[in-house]
Protein backbone atom coordinates (compact mmCIF):
# COMPACT_ATOMS: atom_id res chain seq x y z
CA MET A 1 -25.17 14.26 -28.91
CA LEU A 2 -26.14 17.19 -31.53
CA SER A 3 -25.57 16.61 -35.45
CA ASP A 4 -23.73 19.36 -37.14
CA SER A 5 -26.96 20.76 -38.97
CA LYS A 6 -28.42 20.96 -35.48
CA LEU A 7 -25.96 22.53 -33.96
CA LEU A 8 -25.34 25.09 -36.68
CA GLN A 9 -29.30 25.90 -36.50
CA GLN A 10 -28.94 26.42 -32.89
CA LEU A 11 -26.04 28.76 -33.36
CA GLY A 12 -27.48 30.78 -36.09
CA LYS A 13 -25.21 32.15 -39.11
CA PRO A 14 -21.72 30.63 -38.72
CA SER A 15 -18.98 33.14 -37.47
CA PHE A 16 -15.84 32.29 -36.12
CA SER A 17 -17.26 31.21 -32.75
CA ALA A 18 -19.94 29.25 -34.42
CA ALA A 19 -17.22 27.39 -36.56
CA HIS A 20 -15.24 26.96 -33.18
CA ILE A 21 -18.01 25.36 -31.18
CA LEU A 22 -18.77 23.02 -34.23
CA GLU A 23 -15.15 21.95 -34.34
CA ARG A 24 -15.17 21.30 -30.86
CA SER A 25 -18.22 19.50 -30.62
CA ASN A 26 -17.03 17.30 -33.59
CA ILE A 27 -13.88 16.49 -31.33
CA PHE A 28 -15.90 15.66 -28.37
CA ASN A 29 -17.99 13.16 -30.54
CA GLN A 30 -14.88 11.53 -31.69
CA LEU A 31 -13.65 11.12 -28.36
CA TYR A 32 -17.07 9.95 -27.01
CA GLN A 33 -17.22 7.64 -29.42
CA LYS A 34 -13.81 6.07 -29.23
CA GLN A 35 -14.71 5.89 -25.16
CA GLN A 36 -18.00 4.03 -26.27
CA ASP A 37 -16.03 1.33 -28.32
CA ALA A 38 -13.31 0.73 -25.82
CA LEU A 39 -15.89 0.03 -22.92
CA LYS A 40 -17.73 -2.40 -25.31
CA ASP A 41 -14.47 -4.55 -25.40
CA LEU A 42 -13.88 -4.52 -21.81
CA PRO A 43 -14.75 -7.94 -20.25
CA LYS A 44 -17.86 -7.67 -18.14
CA LYS A 45 -18.01 -9.69 -14.72
CA ASP A 46 -20.97 -9.88 -12.48
CA ILE A 47 -20.45 -7.25 -9.46
CA LYS A 48 -22.31 -6.13 -6.35
CA VAL A 49 -23.03 -2.63 -5.20
CA TYR A 50 -23.97 -2.05 -1.87
CA VAL A 51 -25.90 1.51 -1.48
CA LYS A 52 -25.43 3.63 1.86
CA GLY A 53 -28.79 3.13 3.68
CA ASN A 54 -30.42 0.82 1.34
CA SER A 55 -29.86 -2.67 -0.17
CA SER A 56 -27.40 -4.33 -2.76
CA PHE A 57 -27.64 -4.29 -6.18
CA LYS A 58 -26.21 -6.74 -8.71
CA GLY A 59 -25.31 -5.83 -12.24
CA LEU A 60 -22.30 -6.28 -14.69
CA SER A 61 -19.16 -4.32 -14.79
CA TRP A 62 -18.59 -1.38 -17.00
CA GLN A 63 -22.41 -1.50 -17.64
CA LEU A 64 -24.12 -0.74 -14.25
CA ARG A 65 -24.08 3.07 -13.68
CA PRO A 66 -25.17 4.76 -10.58
CA LEU A 67 -27.74 6.35 -12.52
CA ASP A 68 -29.28 2.68 -13.01
CA ILE A 69 -29.29 2.20 -9.67
CA LEU A 70 -30.78 5.63 -8.59
CA ASN A 71 -33.79 4.85 -11.09
CA GLN A 72 -34.37 1.61 -9.02
CA ILE A 73 -34.50 3.30 -5.80
CA LYS A 74 -37.84 4.48 -4.90
CA ASP A 75 -37.00 7.77 -3.28
CA LYS A 76 -38.48 11.43 -3.29
CA LYS A 77 -35.00 12.59 -2.68
CA ALA A 78 -33.62 10.93 -6.00
CA ASN A 79 -34.13 14.39 -8.09
CA ASP A 80 -31.57 16.01 -5.76
CA ILE A 81 -28.66 13.61 -6.39
CA ILE A 82 -25.76 15.28 -8.61
CA ALA A 83 -22.76 12.75 -7.85
CA ALA A 84 -22.03 9.55 -6.49
CA LYS A 85 -19.20 8.52 -4.16
CA VAL A 86 -17.60 5.20 -4.82
CA ILE A 87 -15.72 3.07 -2.45
CA TYR A 88 -14.31 -0.14 -4.24
CA ARG A 89 -14.27 -2.99 -2.22
CA GLY A 90 -11.00 -4.49 -2.62
CA PRO A 91 -9.67 -7.83 -1.02
CA SER A 92 -10.32 -6.42 2.01
CA LEU A 93 -14.25 -6.93 2.36
CA LYS A 94 -14.96 -10.55 2.43
CA GLU A 95 -18.21 -12.33 1.52
CA GLU A 96 -18.96 -13.15 5.50
CA GLU A 97 -18.71 -9.44 6.15
CA ASP A 98 -21.41 -8.51 3.72
CA GLN A 99 -23.59 -7.65 6.62
CA PRO A 100 -25.44 -4.31 6.66
CA GLU A 101 -23.60 -3.16 9.81
CA SER A 102 -20.01 -3.96 8.69
CA ILE A 103 -21.12 -2.25 5.59
CA GLU A 104 -22.11 0.77 7.10
CA GLU A 105 -19.02 0.81 9.13
CA ARG A 106 -16.98 0.42 6.09
CA PHE A 107 -18.56 3.73 4.79
CA GLU A 108 -17.60 5.48 7.96
CA GLN A 109 -14.15 4.04 8.23
CA ASN A 110 -12.99 4.41 4.92
CA LYS A 111 -11.47 7.82 3.39
CA GLU A 112 -10.44 6.52 0.06
CA PHE A 113 -12.95 7.22 -2.37
CA GLN A 114 -13.61 8.52 -5.84
CA LEU A 115 -16.14 10.73 -7.23
CA TYR A 116 -18.50 9.61 -10.14
CA ASP A 117 -20.77 11.55 -12.19
CA LEU A 118 -24.09 9.44 -12.28
CA GLY A 119 -23.29 8.00 -16.00
CA ARG A 120 -20.13 6.83 -15.10
CA PRO A 121 -20.01 2.76 -15.36
CA LEU A 122 -19.02 0.97 -12.14
CA GLU A 123 -15.93 -1.31 -12.49
CA GLU A 124 -16.19 -3.79 -10.02
CA ASP A 125 -17.66 -4.61 -6.48
CA CYS A 126 -18.09 -1.20 -4.45
CA LEU A 127 -19.98 0.53 -1.69
CA LEU A 128 -22.13 3.49 -3.27
CA GLU A 129 -23.08 6.88 -1.62
CA PHE A 130 -25.44 9.19 -3.55
CA LEU A 131 -24.66 13.08 -2.91
CA SER A 132 -26.68 15.87 -3.43
CA PHE A 133 -26.27 19.50 -3.48
CA LYS A 134 -26.70 19.72 0.37
CA ASP A 135 -23.93 17.66 1.11
CA PRO A 136 -20.34 19.44 1.18
CA LEU A 137 -19.09 16.74 -1.19
CA GLY A 138 -21.87 17.35 -3.28
CA GLN A 139 -21.18 21.16 -3.38
CA LYS A 140 -17.01 20.48 -4.42
CA VAL A 141 -18.45 18.52 -7.41
CA PHE A 142 -20.99 21.20 -8.36
CA PHE A 143 -19.32 24.47 -8.11
CA PRO A 144 -16.23 23.72 -10.34
CA LEU A 145 -18.86 22.65 -13.09
CA LEU A 146 -20.29 26.16 -13.00
CA MET A 147 -16.87 27.52 -13.95
CA LEU A 148 -17.17 25.86 -17.14
CA PHE A 149 -20.03 28.19 -18.46
């Protein structure tokens, strides 16, 4: 987050557009802080995350992020990752099914998923697949972001 003075320095002399950007930045910072405060108050529980093609990771709900897991994986492709595909386990995946074969099958069979940016905290036990720009789904995530600029 940029402070008001640093933002004004970057924008130069305030003009209508600079004032508008500063106002929008302040609104964003307020909303972001409100969201961070709400996340702190949510109950934390132990979760298990299965990463496609890798092993499982443990962490706390509402704290563990796909980026945290990506940083633990020693893979040269990690720099290409732009988003994550998340499949929440739900009651249909029991502990005795936690074998690598059944987990990989679950990735292939499950069409219900959510796209996460890498900084969004995970909520509960889930299956996780990282997406790069080379993935068609990764491109769908990336191109709408370009429209914002």
